[in-house]
Structures are given as structure tokens and as C-alpha cells.
Amino acid sequence: AHMATLATQAGARIGTVRAFEKTQHQASTDSLTGLINRRTLEVKIRELLQASTPFALAVADLDKFKSINDTYGHEAGDRALRLFSQTAGAALREGDLLARWGGEEFTIILPGIDRHQAVEVLDRIRHSLEAAHSGAHPRFTVSFGVTDTAIAVSIEQLLQIADAGLYRSK
């Protein structure tokens, strides 16, 4: 009887832990792309800044995304977001971070490199995206803005500088 009670209690605890892990995963990731979300990335950026780890920060925006949604429907827009997520993720190094920031905007953290080196990574993403296009969705491009921790030391400053570069790029 004791063993049965213990087994029941252990099973209930395991169920609770699994439910908690699932909830944590849902709260930290974007359900459409599977990438980490804005909140999770902000925590990781703060950790890098507190550890004085140099990094480049890039913001990416899918060009003419509204037109894709309006012309081909939201499912085509969703496919474009997933294609970019998969293509960009495959082009990054282990330890780099890719997050869906919101809408069609993404943020990339590249630890240990500066903005000049980051441009090479972003070009690799751009070329990989171009090669990844198939007939399953409309073609699209991506624009980037980039900065690094040699220029700015807060999340707000980094994002402001990268956003300004993104708008110049568009």
C-alpha cells in the first residue's frame, strides 16, 4: 500500500514538473517560429551585459511583409516568417541568439564579434534566404541594422542604434 501511494505521489509530481516545463517553454518562445521571444532575449542580453561579454546586435525586418499578407494571405506570411527563422538559425553559430522580436521583426545577438564581423554573418543569412526560396511562398528579402557593445552599453541604446540602421537600410 505504501509503495502504491508513493508511486501515485511520484507520478503526480512528475506530471506537475512536466506541466511547469511546458508552461515555461510556452512563455519563453514564439509559438509560430519556435524561436525565443523578446522577453527571453532581453534577459539573455542583460546577462551578457552584466558579464561584460562583447557582442553585436542586429535587428532584421522582412521587407514588404504587409504586402505578402495582403496579397497572398496570412498563411503565406506565416510561411515567410518560418522560412526566415529556419534559414537565419541555420546560418548562425552555436551560442548566437535569434529571437522573434514582434511581427516581422527579429533580433540577433552575436557574442564575441563586432558589428563589422556581424555584417559577414548577416550577408550569409541574406544569401541563404535567397537560395532557400521555393515556389511554396512568395519571394521576399530582409533588411538589417547592426551595432555592437563598443558603441552602446545598454539594451535601449543598442536597439536604438540598430533600429536607426535598419531604417536606413530599408
C-alpha atoms as a PDB file:
ATOM      1  CA  ALA A   1       0.000   0.000   0.000  1.00  0.00           C
ATOM      2  CA  HIS A   2       2.879   2.337   0.841  1.00  0.00           C
ATOM      3  CA  MET A   3       4.534   1.613  -2.493  1.00  0.00           C
ATOM      4  CA  ALA A   4       1.296   2.330  -4.357  1.00  0.00           C
ATOM      5  CA  THR A   5       0.883   5.630  -2.510  1.00  0.00           C
ATOM      6  CA  LEU A   6       4.494   6.568  -3.190  1.00  0.00           C
ATOM      7  CA  ALA A   7       4.117   5.696  -6.877  1.00  0.00           C
ATOM      8  CA  THR A   8       0.950   7.792  -7.122  1.00  0.00           C
ATOM      9  CA  GLN A   9       2.616  10.765  -5.429  1.00  0.00           C
ATOM     10  CA  ALA A  10       5.718  10.453  -7.627  1.00  0.00           C
ATOM     11  CA  GLY A  11       3.550  10.281 -10.740  1.00  0.00           C
ATOM     12  CA  ALA A  12       1.648  13.390  -9.682  1.00  0.00           C
ATOM     13  CA  ARG A  13       4.897  15.274  -9.037  1.00  0.00           C
ATOM     14  CA  ILE A  14       6.326  14.254 -12.402  1.00  0.00           C
ATOM     15  CA  GLY A  15       3.124  15.459 -14.069  1.00  0.00           C
ATOM     16  CA  THR A  16       3.401  18.791 -12.270  1.00  0.00           C
ATOM     17  CA  VAL A  17       7.046  19.215 -13.307  1.00  0.00           C
ATOM     18  CA  ARG A  18       6.196  18.412 -16.934  1.00  0.00           C
ATOM     19  CA  ALA A  19       3.312  20.889 -16.922  1.00  0.00           C
ATOM     20  CA  PHE A  20       5.578  23.562 -15.414  1.00  0.00           C
ATOM     21  CA  GLU A  21       8.274  22.931 -18.045  1.00  0.00           C
ATOM     22  CA  LYS A  22       5.697  23.136 -20.836  1.00  0.00           C
ATOM     23  CA  THR A  23       4.362  26.418 -19.437  1.00  0.00           C
ATOM     24  CA  GLN A  24       7.899  27.817 -19.122  1.00  0.00           C
ATOM     25  CA  HIS A  25       8.660  26.827 -22.723  1.00  0.00           C
ATOM     26  CA  GLN A  26       5.446  28.438 -23.975  1.00  0.00           C
ATOM     27  CA  ALA A  27       6.191  31.631 -22.048  1.00  0.00           C
ATOM     28  CA  SER A  28       9.740  31.929 -23.412  1.00  0.00           C
ATOM     29  CA  THR A  29       9.227  31.049 -27.075  1.00  0.00           C
ATOM     30  CA  ASP A  30       7.288  32.267 -30.066  1.00  0.00           C
ATOM     31  CA  SER A  31       4.702  29.639 -30.986  1.00  0.00           C
ATOM     32  CA  LEU A  32       4.844  30.306 -34.746  1.00  0.00           C
ATOM     33  CA  THR A  33       8.606  30.164 -35.276  1.00  0.00           C
ATOM     34  CA  GLY A  34       9.796  28.230 -32.240  1.00  0.00           C
ATOM     35  CA  LEU A  35      12.381  30.956 -31.577  1.00  0.00           C
ATOM     36  CA  ILE A  36      12.911  32.569 -28.222  1.00  0.00           C
ATOM     37  CA  ASN A  37      10.720  35.616 -27.716  1.00  0.00           C
ATOM     38  CA  ARG A  38      11.503  39.225 -26.912  1.00  0.00           C
ATOM     39  CA  ARG A  39      11.242  38.834 -23.145  1.00  0.00           C
ATOM     40  CA  THR A  40      13.614  35.871 -23.107  1.00  0.00           C
ATOM     41  CA  LEU A  41      16.125  37.651 -25.344  1.00  0.00           C
ATOM     42  CA  GLU A  42      16.079  40.749 -23.127  1.00  0.00           C
ATOM     43  CA  VAL A  43      17.055  38.557 -20.154  1.00  0.00           C
ATOM     44  CA  LYS A  44      19.893  36.985 -22.145  1.00  0.00           C
ATOM     45  CA  ILE A  45      21.140  40.410 -23.310  1.00  0.00           C
ATOM     46  CA  ARG A  46      21.187  41.659 -19.717  1.00  0.00           C
ATOM     47  CA  GLU A  47      23.197  38.582 -18.714  1.00  0.00           C
ATOM     48  CA  LEU A  48      25.749  39.272 -21.480  1.00  0.00           C
ATOM     49  CA  LEU A  49      25.981  42.940 -20.490  1.00  0.00           C
ATOM     50  CA  GLN A  50      26.418  42.098 -16.791  1.00  0.00           C
ATOM     51  CA  ALA A  51      29.192  39.633 -17.688  1.00  0.00           C
ATOM     52  CA  SER A  52      30.846  42.315 -19.898  1.00  0.00           C
ATOM     53  CA  THR A  53      30.683  39.938 -22.861  1.00  0.00           C
ATOM     54  CA  PRO A  54      31.146  41.884 -26.111  1.00  0.00           C
ATOM     55  CA  PHE A  55      28.567  41.191 -28.786  1.00  0.00           C
ATOM     56  CA  ALA A  56      26.978  42.524 -31.933  1.00  0.00           C
ATOM     57  CA  LEU A  57      23.246  43.105 -32.033  1.00  0.00           C
ATOM     58  CA  ALA A  58      21.323  43.091 -35.294  1.00  0.00           C
ATOM     59  CA  VAL A  59      17.684  43.754 -35.979  1.00  0.00           C
ATOM     60  CA  ALA A  60      16.101  42.194 -39.050  1.00  0.00           C
ATOM     61  CA  ASP A  61      12.855  43.113 -40.743  1.00  0.00           C
ATOM     62  CA  LEU A  62      11.202  41.190 -43.577  1.00  0.00           C
ATOM     63  CA  ASP A  63      10.770  43.612 -46.461  1.00  0.00           C
ATOM     64  CA  LYS A  64       7.257  44.300 -47.765  1.00  0.00           C
ATOM     65  CA  PHE A  65       5.777  41.812 -45.311  1.00  0.00           C
ATOM     66  CA  LYS A  66       2.396  43.582 -45.225  1.00  0.00           C
ATOM     67  CA  SER A  67       2.190  43.160 -48.985  1.00  0.00           C
ATOM     68  CA  ILE A  68       2.755  39.400 -48.653  1.00  0.00           C
ATOM     69  CA  ASN A  69      -0.068  39.150 -46.112  1.00  0.00           C
ATOM     70  CA  ASP A  70      -2.395  41.380 -48.126  1.00  0.00           C
ATOM     71  CA  THR A  71      -1.715  39.708 -51.487  1.00  0.00           C
ATOM     72  CA  TYR A  72      -1.242  36.045 -50.570  1.00  0.00           C
ATOM     73  CA  GLY A  73      -2.904  35.757 -47.164  1.00  0.00           C
ATOM     74  CA  HIS A  74      -1.702  35.336 -43.611  1.00  0.00           C
ATOM     75  CA  GLU A  75      -0.669  31.715 -44.122  1.00  0.00           C
ATOM     76  CA  ALA A  76       1.868  32.900 -46.718  1.00  0.00           C
ATOM     77  CA  GLY A  77       3.079  35.482 -44.200  1.00  0.00           C
ATOM     78  CA  ASP A  78       3.435  32.770 -41.566  1.00  0.00           C
ATOM     79  CA  ARG A  79       5.418  30.603 -44.018  1.00  0.00           C
ATOM     80  CA  ALA A  80       7.710  33.569 -44.720  1.00  0.00           C
ATOM     81  CA  LEU A  81       8.331  34.075 -41.002  1.00  0.00           C
ATOM     82  CA  ARG A  82       9.111  30.381 -40.536  1.00  0.00           C
ATOM     83  CA  LEU A  83      11.385  30.305 -43.602  1.00  0.00           C
ATOM     84  CA  PHE A  84      13.371  33.276 -42.339  1.00  0.00           C
ATOM     85  CA  SER A  85      13.610  31.759 -38.849  1.00  0.00           C
ATOM     86  CA  GLN A  86      14.892  28.429 -40.158  1.00  0.00           C
ATOM     87  CA  THR A  87      17.279  29.978 -42.680  1.00  0.00           C
ATOM     88  CA  ALA A  88      18.738  32.519 -40.270  1.00  0.00           C
ATOM     89  CA  GLY A  89      19.025  29.953 -37.490  1.00  0.00           C
ATOM     90  CA  ALA A  90      20.939  27.569 -39.763  1.00  0.00           C
ATOM     91  CA  ALA A  91      23.370  30.335 -40.745  1.00  0.00           C
ATOM     92  CA  LEU A  92      24.252  31.233 -37.144  1.00  0.00           C
ATOM     93  CA  ARG A  93      26.957  29.792 -34.918  1.00  0.00           C
ATOM     94  CA  GLU A  94      26.262  27.803 -31.813  1.00  0.00           C
ATOM     95  CA  GLY A  95      25.821  30.318 -29.000  1.00  0.00           C
ATOM     96  CA  ASP A  96      24.362  33.014 -31.258  1.00  0.00           C
ATOM     97  CA  LEU A  97      20.811  34.022 -30.385  1.00  0.00           C
ATOM     98  CA  LEU A  98      17.899  34.585 -32.741  1.00  0.00           C
ATOM     99  CA  ALA A  99      14.583  35.852 -31.406  1.00  0.00           C
ATOM    100  CA  ARG A 100      11.304  36.940 -32.854  1.00  0.00           C
ATOM    101  CA  TRP A 101      11.025  40.483 -31.559  1.00  0.00           C
ATOM    102  CA  GLY A 102       7.499  41.055 -32.824  1.00  0.00           C
ATOM    103  CA  GLY A 103       5.549  40.988 -36.070  1.00  0.00           C
ATOM    104  CA  GLU A 104       8.044  40.555 -38.891  1.00  0.00           C
ATOM    105  CA  GLU A 105      10.980  41.839 -36.855  1.00  0.00           C
ATOM    106  CA  PHE A 106      13.746  39.661 -35.421  1.00  0.00           C
ATOM    107  CA  THR A 107      16.765  40.359 -33.233  1.00  0.00           C
ATOM    108  CA  ILE A 108      20.087  38.555 -33.487  1.00  0.00           C
ATOM    109  CA  ILE A 109      22.804  38.501 -30.823  1.00  0.00           C
ATOM    110  CA  LEU A 110      26.296  37.519 -31.949  1.00  0.00           C
ATOM    111  CA  PRO A 111      28.579  37.130 -28.911  1.00  0.00           C
ATOM    112  CA  GLY A 112      32.289  37.696 -29.339  1.00  0.00           C
ATOM    113  CA  ILE A 113      32.169  39.650 -32.593  1.00  0.00           C
ATOM    114  CA  ASP A 114      31.806  43.305 -33.517  1.00  0.00           C
ATOM    115  CA  ARG A 115      29.441  44.999 -35.952  1.00  0.00           C
ATOM    116  CA  HIS A 116      31.899  44.694 -38.849  1.00  0.00           C
ATOM    117  CA  GLN A 117      32.222  40.939 -38.405  1.00  0.00           C
ATOM    118  CA  ALA A 118      28.455  40.732 -37.936  1.00  0.00           C
ATOM    119  CA  VAL A 119      27.922  42.128 -41.427  1.00  0.00           C
ATOM    120  CA  GLU A 120      29.527  38.959 -42.821  1.00  0.00           C
ATOM    121  CA  VAL A 121      27.050  36.831 -40.831  1.00  0.00           C
ATOM    122  CA  LEU A 122      24.111  38.949 -41.980  1.00  0.00           C
ATOM    123  CA  ASP A 123      25.235  38.673 -45.612  1.00  0.00           C
ATOM    124  CA  ARG A 124      25.410  34.900 -45.160  1.00  0.00           C
ATOM    125  CA  ILE A 125      21.809  34.943 -43.883  1.00  0.00           C
ATOM    126  CA  ARG A 126      20.711  37.119 -46.803  1.00  0.00           C
ATOM    127  CA  HIS A 127      22.345  34.779 -49.366  1.00  0.00           C
ATOM    128  CA  SER A 128      20.973  31.666 -47.639  1.00  0.00           C
ATOM    129  CA  LEU A 129      17.490  33.166 -47.698  1.00  0.00           C
ATOM    130  CA  GLU A 130      17.786  33.920 -51.387  1.00  0.00           C
ATOM    131  CA  ALA A 131      18.800  30.303 -52.070  1.00  0.00           C
ATOM    132  CA  ALA A 132      16.043  28.904 -49.819  1.00  0.00           C
ATOM    133  CA  HIS A 133      13.143  30.419 -51.745  1.00  0.00           C
ATOM    134  CA  SER A 134      10.926  27.896 -53.479  1.00  0.00           C
ATOM    135  CA  GLY A 135       7.557  28.021 -55.166  1.00  0.00           C
ATOM    136  CA  ALA A 136       5.837  27.316 -51.840  1.00  0.00           C
ATOM    137  CA  HIS A 137       5.711  31.005 -50.926  1.00  0.00           C
ATOM    138  CA  PRO A 138       6.291  34.435 -52.422  1.00  0.00           C
ATOM    139  CA  ARG A 139       9.867  35.694 -52.572  1.00  0.00           C
ATOM    140  CA  PHE A 140      10.931  38.283 -50.020  1.00  0.00           C
ATOM    141  CA  THR A 141      14.091  39.961 -48.809  1.00  0.00           C
ATOM    142  CA  VAL A 142      15.270  41.137 -45.413  1.00  0.00           C
ATOM    143  CA  SER A 143      16.843  44.365 -44.180  1.00  0.00           C
ATOM    144  CA  PHE A 144      19.216  44.619 -41.223  1.00  0.00           C
ATOM    145  CA  GLY A 145      20.509  47.207 -38.792  1.00  0.00           C
ATOM    146  CA  VAL A 146      23.526  46.340 -36.666  1.00  0.00           C
ATOM    147  CA  THR A 147      25.588  47.707 -33.798  1.00  0.00           C
ATOM    148  CA  ASP A 148      27.795  46.353 -31.023  1.00  0.00           C
ATOM    149  CA  THR A 149      28.730  46.855 -27.401  1.00  0.00           C
ATOM    150  CA  ALA A 150      31.733  49.016 -28.309  1.00  0.00           C
ATOM    151  CA  ILE A 151      29.242  51.711 -29.305  1.00  0.00           C
ATOM    152  CA  ALA A 152      26.463  51.269 -26.754  1.00  0.00           C
ATOM    153  CA  VAL A 153      26.245  49.711 -23.313  1.00  0.00           C
ATOM    154  CA  SER A 154      22.513  49.387 -22.635  1.00  0.00           C
ATOM    155  CA  ILE A 155      19.765  47.413 -24.296  1.00  0.00           C
ATOM    156  CA  GLU A 156      17.923  50.609 -25.127  1.00  0.00           C
ATOM    157  CA  GLN A 157      20.959  52.236 -26.786  1.00  0.00           C
ATOM    158  CA  LEU A 158      21.834  49.086 -28.734  1.00  0.00           C
ATOM    159  CA  LEU A 159      18.293  48.747 -30.063  1.00  0.00           C
ATOM    160  CA  GLN A 160      18.001  52.429 -30.893  1.00  0.00           C
ATOM    161  CA  ILE A 161      21.226  52.394 -32.931  1.00  0.00           C
ATOM    162  CA  ALA A 162      20.374  49.106 -34.680  1.00  0.00           C
ATOM    163  CA  ASP A 163      16.838  50.357 -35.453  1.00  0.00           C
ATOM    164  CA  ALA A 164      18.237  53.544 -36.993  1.00  0.00           C
ATOM    165  CA  GLY A 165      20.495  51.403 -39.186  1.00  0.00           C
ATOM    166  CA  LEU A 166      17.552  49.209 -40.145  1.00  0.00           C
ATOM    167  CA  TYR A 167      15.501  52.175 -41.311  1.00  0.00           C
ATOM    168  CA  ARG A 168      18.448  53.472 -43.348  1.00  0.00           C
ATOM    169  CA  SER A 169      18.808  50.010 -44.858  1.00  0.00           C
ATOM    170  CA  LYS A 170      15.147  49.851 -45.867  1.00  0.00           C
END
